[in-house]
N, C-alpha and C. Protein backbone atom coordinates (compact mmCIF):
# COMPACT_ATOMS: atom_id res chain seq x y z
N UNK A 1 1.36 -1.01 0.00
CA UNK A 1 0.48 0.82 -0.29
C UNK A 1 0.54 1.21 0.30
N UNK A 2 0.59 2.01 -1.01
CA UNK A 2 1.47 3.22 -1.13
C UNK A 2 1.40 4.45 0.49
N UNK A 3 2.17 5.57 0.99
CA UNK A 3 2.10 5.76 0.95
C UNK A 3 0.89 6.45 1.04
N UNK A 4 0.40 7.64 0.12
CA UNK A 4 -1.15 8.33 0.19
C UNK A 4 -2.07 7.12 0.31
N UNK A 5 -2.07 6.17 0.23
CA UNK A 5 -3.40 5.16 -0.02
C UNK A 5 -2.99 4.99 2.31
N UNK A 6 -2.35 5.02 2.54
CA UNK A 6 -2.81 4.98 4.20
C UNK A 6 -2.59 6.07 4.92
N UNK A 7 -2.25 6.47 3.73
CA UNK A 7 -3.72 8.74 4.77
C UNK A 7 -4.50 8.55 4.24
N UNK A 8 -4.77 8.17 3.34
CA UNK A 8 -6.29 7.63 2.35
C UNK A 8 -7.66 6.75 3.92
N UNK A 9 -6.54 6.08 4.04
CA UNK A 9 -7.29 5.15 4.85
C UNK A 9 -7.15 5.31 5.81
N UNK A 10 -6.16 6.41 6.93
CA UNK A 10 -6.38 6.70 8.36
C UNK A 10 -7.13 7.78 8.28
N UNK A 11 -7.86 8.79 6.97
CA UNK A 11 -8.22 9.55 7.56
C UNK A 11 -10.11 9.30 7.70
N UNK A 12 -9.95 8.03 6.22
CA UNK A 12 -11.34 7.26 6.83
C UNK A 12 -11.42 7.05 7.83
N UNK A 13 -11.23 6.26 8.39
CA UNK A 13 -11.16 5.90 9.88
C UNK A 13 -10.94 7.44 10.88
N UNK A 14 -10.31 8.32 11.02
CA UNK A 14 -11.27 8.90 11.30
C UNK A 14 -12.26 9.66 11.89
N UNK A 15 -12.38 10.00 10.04
CA UNK A 15 -13.24 10.55 9.71
C UNK A 15 -14.71 9.92 10.22
N UNK A 16 -14.71 8.61 10.18
CA UNK A 16 -15.70 7.64 10.73
C UNK A 16 -16.06 7.88 11.99
N UNK A 17 -14.57 7.79 12.34
CA UNK A 17 -15.29 8.04 14.46
C UNK A 17 -15.38 9.39 14.86
N UNK A 18 -15.73 10.16 13.67
CA UNK A 18 -15.83 11.44 14.19
C UNK A 18 -17.54 11.24 13.54
N UNK A 19 -18.10 10.91 13.55
CA UNK A 19 -19.05 11.15 12.20
C UNK A 19 -20.32 9.84 13.39
N UNK A 20 -19.50 8.95 13.35
CA UNK A 20 -20.45 7.39 14.78
C UNK A 20 -19.20 8.04 15.89
N UNK A 21 -19.22 8.59 17.05
CA UNK A 21 -18.68 8.30 18.23
C UNK A 21 -18.61 6.87 18.27
N UNK A 22 -18.14 6.52 18.91
CA UNK A 22 -18.53 5.18 20.46
C UNK A 22 -17.59 5.57 21.19
N UNK A 23 -18.83 5.59 22.40
CA UNK A 23 -18.84 5.44 24.14
C UNK A 23 -19.57 6.93 24.14
N UNK A 24 -20.14 8.08 22.78
CA UNK A 24 -20.38 8.93 23.74
C UNK A 24 -21.82 9.34 24.21
N UNK A 25 -21.61 10.31 24.94
CA UNK A 25 -23.08 10.71 25.71
C UNK A 25 -22.08 10.31 27.27
N UNK A 26 -22.29 11.26 27.98
CA UNK A 26 -22.22 10.86 29.95
C UNK A 26 -23.95 10.76 30.49
N UNK A 27 -22.88 9.54 31.60
CA UNK A 27 -23.76 8.77 32.10
C UNK A 27 -24.26 9.31 33.63
N UNK A 28 -25.43 9.72 33.73
CA UNK A 28 -25.75 9.93 35.19
C UNK A 28 -26.07 8.96 36.59
N UNK A 29 -25.02 8.30 36.19
CA UNK A 29 -25.07 6.87 37.42
C UNK A 29 -24.00 6.67 38.76
N UNK A 30 -23.82 6.76 39.61
CA UNK A 30 -22.54 6.54 40.73
C UNK A 30 -21.62 5.02 40.43
N UNK A 31 -20.27 5.65 39.96
CA UNK A 31 -19.71 5.08 40.12
C UNK A 31 -18.04 5.30 38.69
N UNK A 32 -18.91 6.25 38.80
CA UNK A 32 -18.05 7.49 37.29
C UNK A 32 -17.29 8.43 37.45
N UNK A 33 -16.11 8.10 37.32
CA UNK A 33 -15.26 9.97 37.87
C UNK A 33 -14.92 10.27 36.66
N UNK A 34 -15.26 11.64 36.55
CA UNK A 34 -15.53 12.82 35.75
C UNK A 34 -14.13 13.69 35.39
N UNK A 35 -13.53 13.96 34.02
CA UNK A 35 -12.79 14.80 34.72
C UNK A 35 -12.45 15.84 32.55
N UNK A 36 -12.73 16.99 33.02
CA UNK A 36 -13.50 17.81 32.98
C UNK A 36 -12.07 18.83 31.58
N UNK A 37 -11.84 18.38 30.32
CA UNK A 37 -10.66 19.91 30.28
C UNK A 37 -10.94 21.03 29.23
N UNK A 38 -10.18 21.15 28.88
CA UNK A 38 -10.77 22.58 27.82
C UNK A 38 -9.29 23.03 27.39
N UNK A 39 -8.54 23.27 25.60
CA UNK A 39 -8.42 23.42 25.60
C UNK A 39 -8.46 24.57 25.38
N UNK A 40 -8.25 26.03 26.09
CA UNK A 40 -8.49 27.89 25.23
C UNK A 40 -8.30 27.75 24.11
N UNK A 41 -6.78 27.28 23.12
CA UNK A 41 -6.45 27.60 21.97
C UNK A 41 -7.07 27.45 20.83
N UNK A 42 -7.86 26.60 20.93
CA UNK A 42 -8.25 25.61 19.67
C UNK A 42 -9.89 25.37 20.00
N UNK A 43 -10.71 25.70 21.57
CA UNK A 43 -11.55 25.83 21.82
C UNK A 43 -11.86 23.53 21.44
N UNK A 44 -11.25 23.39 21.67
CA UNK A 44 -11.87 22.05 21.93
C UNK A 44 -12.32 21.41 23.63
N UNK A 45 -13.22 21.44 23.90
CA UNK A 45 -13.82 20.72 24.94
C UNK A 45 -14.10 19.27 25.91
N UNK A 46 -13.24 18.92 26.31
CA UNK A 46 -14.14 17.04 26.29
C UNK A 46 -14.37 17.15 28.57
N UNK A 47 -15.12 16.30 28.22
CA UNK A 47 -15.11 15.79 28.93
C UNK A 47 -15.99 14.29 29.19
N UNK A 48 -14.17 13.76 30.24
CA UNK A 48 -13.93 12.04 29.57
C UNK A 48 -14.93 11.22 31.24
N UNK A 49 -15.39 9.94 31.73
CA UNK A 49 -16.15 9.74 32.25
C UNK A 49 -15.37 8.52 32.29
N UNK A 50 -14.51 7.83 33.63
CA UNK A 50 -13.98 6.61 33.88
C UNK A 50 -14.68 5.76 34.53
N UNK A 51 -15.14 4.71 34.72
CA UNK A 51 -16.01 3.18 35.37
C UNK A 51 -15.51 2.70 35.32
N UNK A 52 -14.33 2.39 36.63
CA UNK A 52 -13.96 1.27 37.39
C UNK A 52 -14.00 -0.38 37.95
N UNK A 53 -13.69 -1.46 37.82
CA UNK A 53 -13.97 -2.48 38.80
C UNK A 53 -12.97 -3.06 38.09
N UNK A 54 -12.06 -3.70 40.08
CA UNK A 54 -11.63 -4.70 41.16
C UNK A 54 -10.37 -4.69 39.41
N UNK A 55 -9.85 -2.87 39.60
CA UNK A 55 -8.70 -2.61 39.02
C UNK A 55 -8.67 -2.42 37.12
N UNK A 56 -10.02 -2.50 37.02
CA UNK A 56 -10.12 -3.03 34.82
C UNK A 56 -11.44 -2.02 35.21
N UNK A 57 -11.08 -1.25 33.52
CA UNK A 57 -11.66 0.46 33.30
C UNK A 57 -13.43 -0.52 32.38
N UNK A 58 -13.88 -0.31 32.85
CA UNK A 58 -15.05 -1.19 32.88
C UNK A 58 -16.31 -0.65 31.80
N UNK A 59 -16.22 0.97 31.64
CA UNK A 59 -16.20 1.87 30.81
C UNK A 59 -15.93 2.81 30.61
N UNK A 60 -15.88 3.76 29.80
CA UNK A 60 -15.35 4.88 29.33
C UNK A 60 -16.19 5.31 28.40
N UNK A 61 -16.61 6.93 28.72
CA UNK A 61 -17.43 7.38 28.40
C UNK A 61 -16.87 9.42 27.61
N UNK A 62 -17.18 10.28 26.80
CA UNK A 62 -17.10 10.61 26.04
C UNK A 62 -18.36 12.27 26.62
N UNK A 63 -17.70 13.35 25.97
CA UNK A 63 -19.02 14.01 25.63
C UNK A 63 -17.95 15.11 25.42
N UNK A 64 -18.47 15.80 24.01
CA UNK A 64 -17.74 17.62 23.50
C UNK A 64 -17.24 17.81 22.95
N UNK A 65 -17.31 18.80 22.45
CA UNK A 65 -16.70 19.91 20.87
C UNK A 65 -15.38 20.30 20.94
N UNK A 66 -14.70 19.98 19.63
CA UNK A 66 -13.54 20.13 18.55
C UNK A 66 -13.27 19.77 17.58
N UNK A 67 -12.91 19.91 16.73
CA UNK A 67 -12.06 19.79 15.83
C UNK A 67 -12.34 17.88 15.42
N UNK A 68 -12.24 17.50 14.58
CA UNK A 68 -12.87 16.63 14.10
C UNK A 68 -11.65 15.09 14.21
N UNK A 69 -10.47 15.86 14.93
CA UNK A 69 -8.80 15.40 15.91
C UNK A 69 -9.29 14.97 16.78
N UNK A 70 -9.94 16.21 17.22
CA UNK A 70 -10.11 15.40 19.17
C UNK A 70 -11.71 14.35 19.46
N UNK A 71 -12.30 15.29 18.82
CA UNK A 71 -13.60 14.15 18.83
C UNK A 71 -13.27 12.63 18.26
N UNK A 72 -12.81 12.70 17.51
CA UNK A 72 -12.17 11.09 16.79
C UNK A 72 -11.38 10.54 17.68
N UNK A 73 -10.70 11.20 18.76
CA UNK A 73 -9.12 10.67 18.93
C UNK A 73 -10.40 10.09 19.61
N UNK A 74 -10.69 11.34 20.48
CA UNK A 74 -11.70 10.58 21.89
C UNK A 74 -12.34 9.05 21.84
N UNK A 75 -13.67 8.75 20.53
CA UNK A 75 -13.46 7.57 20.64
C UNK A 75 -13.07 6.28 20.22
N UNK A 76 -12.41 6.40 19.45
CA UNK A 76 -10.73 5.83 19.48
C UNK A 76 -10.19 5.42 20.79
N UNK A 77 -10.41 6.50 22.09
CA UNK A 77 -9.50 6.04 22.82
C UNK A 77 -11.02 5.91 24.16
N UNK A 78 -11.77 5.59 24.54
CA UNK A 78 -12.55 5.21 24.55
C UNK A 78 -13.07 3.74 24.49
N UNK A 79 -12.82 4.09 23.25
CA UNK A 79 -13.02 1.85 22.55
C UNK A 79 -11.03 1.36 23.08
N UNK A 80 -10.92 1.53 22.74
CA UNK A 80 -8.88 1.10 22.85
C UNK A 80 -8.67 1.27 24.35
N UNK A 81 -8.62 1.44 25.63
CA UNK A 81 -8.63 1.47 26.86
C UNK A 81 -9.73 0.56 27.22
N UNK A 82 -11.41 1.09 27.06
CA UNK A 82 -12.07 -0.33 27.57
C UNK A 82 -11.60 -1.00 28.00
N UNK A 83 -11.84 -1.92 29.06
CA UNK A 83 -11.85 -3.52 29.38
C UNK A 83 -10.08 -3.89 29.68
N UNK A 84 -9.91 -2.53 29.88
CA UNK A 84 -7.85 -2.26 29.84
C UNK A 84 -7.65 -2.62 31.55
N UNK A 85 -6.61 -2.79 31.83
CA UNK A 85 -6.26 -2.76 33.28
C UNK A 85 -5.64 -1.15 33.87
N UNK A 86 -5.80 -0.60 34.95
CA UNK A 86 -5.35 0.90 34.82
C UNK A 86 -4.05 1.12 34.60
N UNK A 87 -3.41 -0.17 35.05
CA UNK A 87 -2.21 -0.35 34.12
C UNK A 87 -1.99 -0.26 32.86
N UNK A 88 -2.30 -1.06 32.66
CA UNK A 88 -2.88 -1.22 30.70
C UNK A 88 -2.39 0.04 30.31
N UNK A 89 -3.77 0.78 30.91
CA UNK A 89 -4.19 2.04 30.47
C UNK A 89 -3.29 2.50 30.10
N UNK A 90 -2.66 2.68 30.97
CA UNK A 90 -1.50 3.48 31.03
C UNK A 90 -0.72 3.56 30.64
N UNK A 91 0.13 2.33 30.35
CA UNK A 91 1.44 2.08 29.22
C UNK A 91 0.32 2.39 27.49
N UNK A 92 -0.81 2.44 27.18
CA UNK A 92 -0.91 2.65 26.45
C UNK A 92 -0.75 3.89 26.19
N UNK A 93 -1.87 4.90 26.78
CA UNK A 93 -1.42 5.82 26.74
C UNK A 93 -0.51 6.41 26.90
N UNK A 94 0.64 6.20 27.48
CA UNK A 94 2.58 6.18 27.33
C UNK A 94 2.09 6.63 26.00
N UNK A 95 2.64 5.94 25.99
CA UNK A 95 1.98 5.11 23.96
C UNK A 95 1.87 5.54 22.45
N UNK A 96 0.88 5.89 23.05
CA UNK A 96 -0.23 6.60 22.83
C UNK A 96 0.37 9.06 21.78
N UNK A 97 0.68 9.03 23.29
CA UNK A 97 2.09 9.78 23.39
C UNK A 97 3.49 9.76 22.32
N UNK A 98 3.81 9.47 22.73
CA UNK A 98 5.26 9.01 22.19
C UNK A 98 4.68 8.43 20.48
N UNK A 99 3.19 8.16 20.00
CA UNK A 99 2.98 8.31 18.23
C UNK A 99 2.75 9.49 17.94
N UNK A 100 1.73 10.03 18.49
CA UNK A 100 1.42 11.69 18.37
C UNK A 100 2.35 12.51 17.86
N UNK A 101 3.32 12.59 19.29
CA UNK A 101 4.65 13.42 18.96
C UNK A 101 5.61 13.17 18.07
N UNK A 102 5.52 11.69 17.29
CA UNK A 102 6.36 11.40 15.81
C UNK A 102 7.62 10.54 16.90
N UNK A 103 7.98 10.44 18.05
CA UNK A 103 8.46 9.47 18.38
C UNK A 103 9.00 7.95 18.20
N UNK A 104 9.73 7.39 18.49
CA UNK A 104 9.09 6.14 18.70
C UNK A 104 8.56 4.92 20.05
N UNK A 105 7.21 4.43 19.22
CA UNK A 105 5.95 4.05 19.96
C UNK A 105 6.30 1.80 19.94
N UNK A 106 5.81 1.55 20.93
CA UNK A 106 5.65 -0.16 20.30
C UNK A 106 4.81 -0.28 19.63
N UNK A 107 4.67 -1.03 18.69
CA UNK A 107 4.61 -0.56 17.78
C UNK A 107 3.34 -2.40 17.72
N UNK A 108 3.52 -3.24 18.28
CA UNK A 108 3.14 -4.52 19.02
C UNK A 108 1.96 -4.15 19.85
N UNK A 109 2.85 -3.37 19.79
CA UNK A 109 0.96 -3.38 21.33
C UNK A 109 -0.27 -2.87 21.15
N UNK A 110 -1.50 -3.87 21.40
CA UNK A 110 -2.37 -3.44 20.90
C UNK A 110 -3.21 -2.28 21.19
N UNK A 111 -3.13 -0.61 19.80
CA UNK A 111 -3.88 0.16 19.75
C UNK A 111 -5.27 0.32 19.70
N UNK A 112 -5.98 -0.60 18.73
CA UNK A 112 -6.92 -0.11 18.11
C UNK A 112 -6.37 0.79 17.27
N UNK A 113 -7.68 2.06 17.00
CA UNK A 113 -7.59 2.29 15.86
C UNK A 113 -6.60 3.36 16.31
N UNK A 114 -5.86 4.19 17.34
CA UNK A 114 -4.87 4.80 17.60
C UNK A 114 -4.02 5.29 16.72
N UNK A 115 -2.84 3.87 16.05
CA UNK A 115 -1.86 4.48 15.39
C UNK A 115 -2.77 5.30 13.74
N UNK A 116 -3.56 5.99 13.92
CA UNK A 116 -3.98 5.95 12.97
C UNK A 116 -3.86 7.84 12.52
N UNK A 117 -3.49 8.53 14.49
CA UNK A 117 -2.91 9.01 14.17
C UNK A 117 -1.23 10.13 14.08
N UNK A 118 -1.19 8.71 13.86
CA UNK A 118 0.69 9.25 13.13
C UNK A 118 0.74 10.64 13.19
N UNK A 119 0.30 10.49 11.79
CA UNK A 119 0.80 12.48 11.05
C UNK A 119 0.38 13.41 11.53
N UNK A 120 -0.54 13.68 12.82
CA UNK A 120 -0.84 14.27 13.90
C UNK A 120 1.55 14.97 14.64
N UNK A 121 1.91 14.19 14.16
CA UNK A 121 3.14 14.97 14.50
C UNK A 121 3.59 15.45 12.90
N UNK A 122 2.87 15.55 12.33
CA UNK A 122 3.37 17.05 11.46
C UNK A 122 2.80 18.00 11.48
N UNK A 123 2.17 18.46 12.31
CA UNK A 123 0.62 19.59 12.72
C UNK A 123 0.92 19.45 14.69
N UNK A 124 2.22 20.19 14.89
CA UNK A 124 2.38 19.73 15.96
C UNK A 124 1.51 20.95 16.57
N UNK A 125 0.71 21.66 16.06
CA UNK A 125 -0.61 22.70 16.82
C UNK A 125 -1.37 21.55 17.57
N UNK A 126 -2.03 20.83 16.55
CA UNK A 126 -3.32 19.75 16.18
C UNK A 126 -2.54 18.25 17.17
N UNK A 127 -1.36 18.43 18.18
CA UNK A 127 -0.78 17.37 18.79
C UNK A 127 -2.10 17.87 20.33
N UNK A 128 -2.06 18.53 20.59
CA UNK A 128 -3.43 18.85 21.82
C UNK A 128 -4.19 18.53 21.86
N UNK A 129 -4.90 18.43 20.35
CA UNK A 129 -6.06 18.08 19.33
C UNK A 129 -6.24 16.57 20.10
N UNK A 130 -5.40 15.56 19.41
CA UNK A 130 -5.28 15.28 19.49
C UNK A 130 -5.59 13.56 20.96
N UNK A 131 -5.05 14.60 21.35
CA UNK A 131 -4.45 14.34 22.93
C UNK A 131 -5.37 14.17 24.20
N UNK A 132 -6.15 14.79 23.70
CA UNK A 132 -7.28 16.22 24.96
C UNK A 132 -7.65 14.90 25.85
N UNK A 133 -8.46 14.43 25.27
CA UNK A 133 -9.23 13.10 25.88
C UNK A 133 -8.56 12.10 26.60
N UNK A 134 -7.38 11.92 25.65
CA UNK A 134 -6.14 10.72 26.66
C UNK A 134 -5.97 11.51 27.76
N UNK A 135 -5.61 12.64 27.76
CA UNK A 135 -5.19 13.72 29.15
C UNK A 135 -5.85 13.06 30.37
N UNK A 136 -7.18 13.37 29.95
CA UNK A 136 -8.65 14.32 30.38
C UNK A 136 -9.20 12.04 31.12
N UNK A 137 -8.59 11.08 30.61
CA UNK A 137 -8.71 10.06 30.61
C UNK A 137 -7.33 8.97 31.99
N UNK A 138 -6.24 9.98 31.59
CA UNK A 138 -5.09 9.49 32.37
C UNK A 138 -5.18 10.27 33.79
N UNK A 139 -5.92 12.07 33.40
CA UNK A 139 -6.18 12.52 34.80
C UNK A 139 -7.04 10.76 35.68
N UNK A 140 -7.97 11.42 35.06
CA UNK A 140 -9.07 9.28 35.56
C UNK A 140 -9.05 9.13 36.79
N UNK A 141 -7.24 8.31 35.70
CA UNK A 141 -6.80 6.88 35.85
C UNK A 141 -6.03 7.20 37.01
N UNK A 142 -5.34 8.39 36.97
CA UNK A 142 -4.36 8.30 38.08
C UNK A 142 -5.22 8.90 39.89
N UNK A 143 -6.37 9.73 39.22
CA UNK A 143 -7.16 9.27 40.24
C UNK A 143 -8.41 9.00 41.78
N UNK A 144 -8.12 8.35 40.37
CA UNK A 144 -9.02 6.53 40.59
C UNK A 144 -8.00 5.84 41.35
N UNK A 145 -6.57 5.84 41.10
CA UNK A 145 -5.63 4.52 41.31
C UNK A 145 -4.75 4.85 43.03
N UNK A 146 -5.73 6.27 43.47
CA UNK A 146 -4.76 7.42 44.33
C UNK A 146 -5.87 6.33 45.80
């Protein structure tokens, strides 16, 4: 597959998650840890809810507004981290940060659709868009672990 075909495929995956977000919508139920983050630079505004049982993420929800990178990444994050232990989720999240910064990352780690954001490293201003929901989930996980 040529590079432009791969970029086209990545764009399609991003747009699919943007138009058909997975795990979107917050729940008014007990047991969810909620974190709200805002990026005033570009207007991304996201809330993430994490529900953990026995050290494992059993549900992960998101709601917010922002660009296609921000909103699709929240969808991908919610799918990728669901059913993972807190330690696995932190490891995947840190790997995702390296990937979007254009650094070396563990390609053998199961990251779902997250590798489609590799191209974001070419646009440093968009790294925050791709990572804001992951940062909200990471903050929730850190608070749950305390």
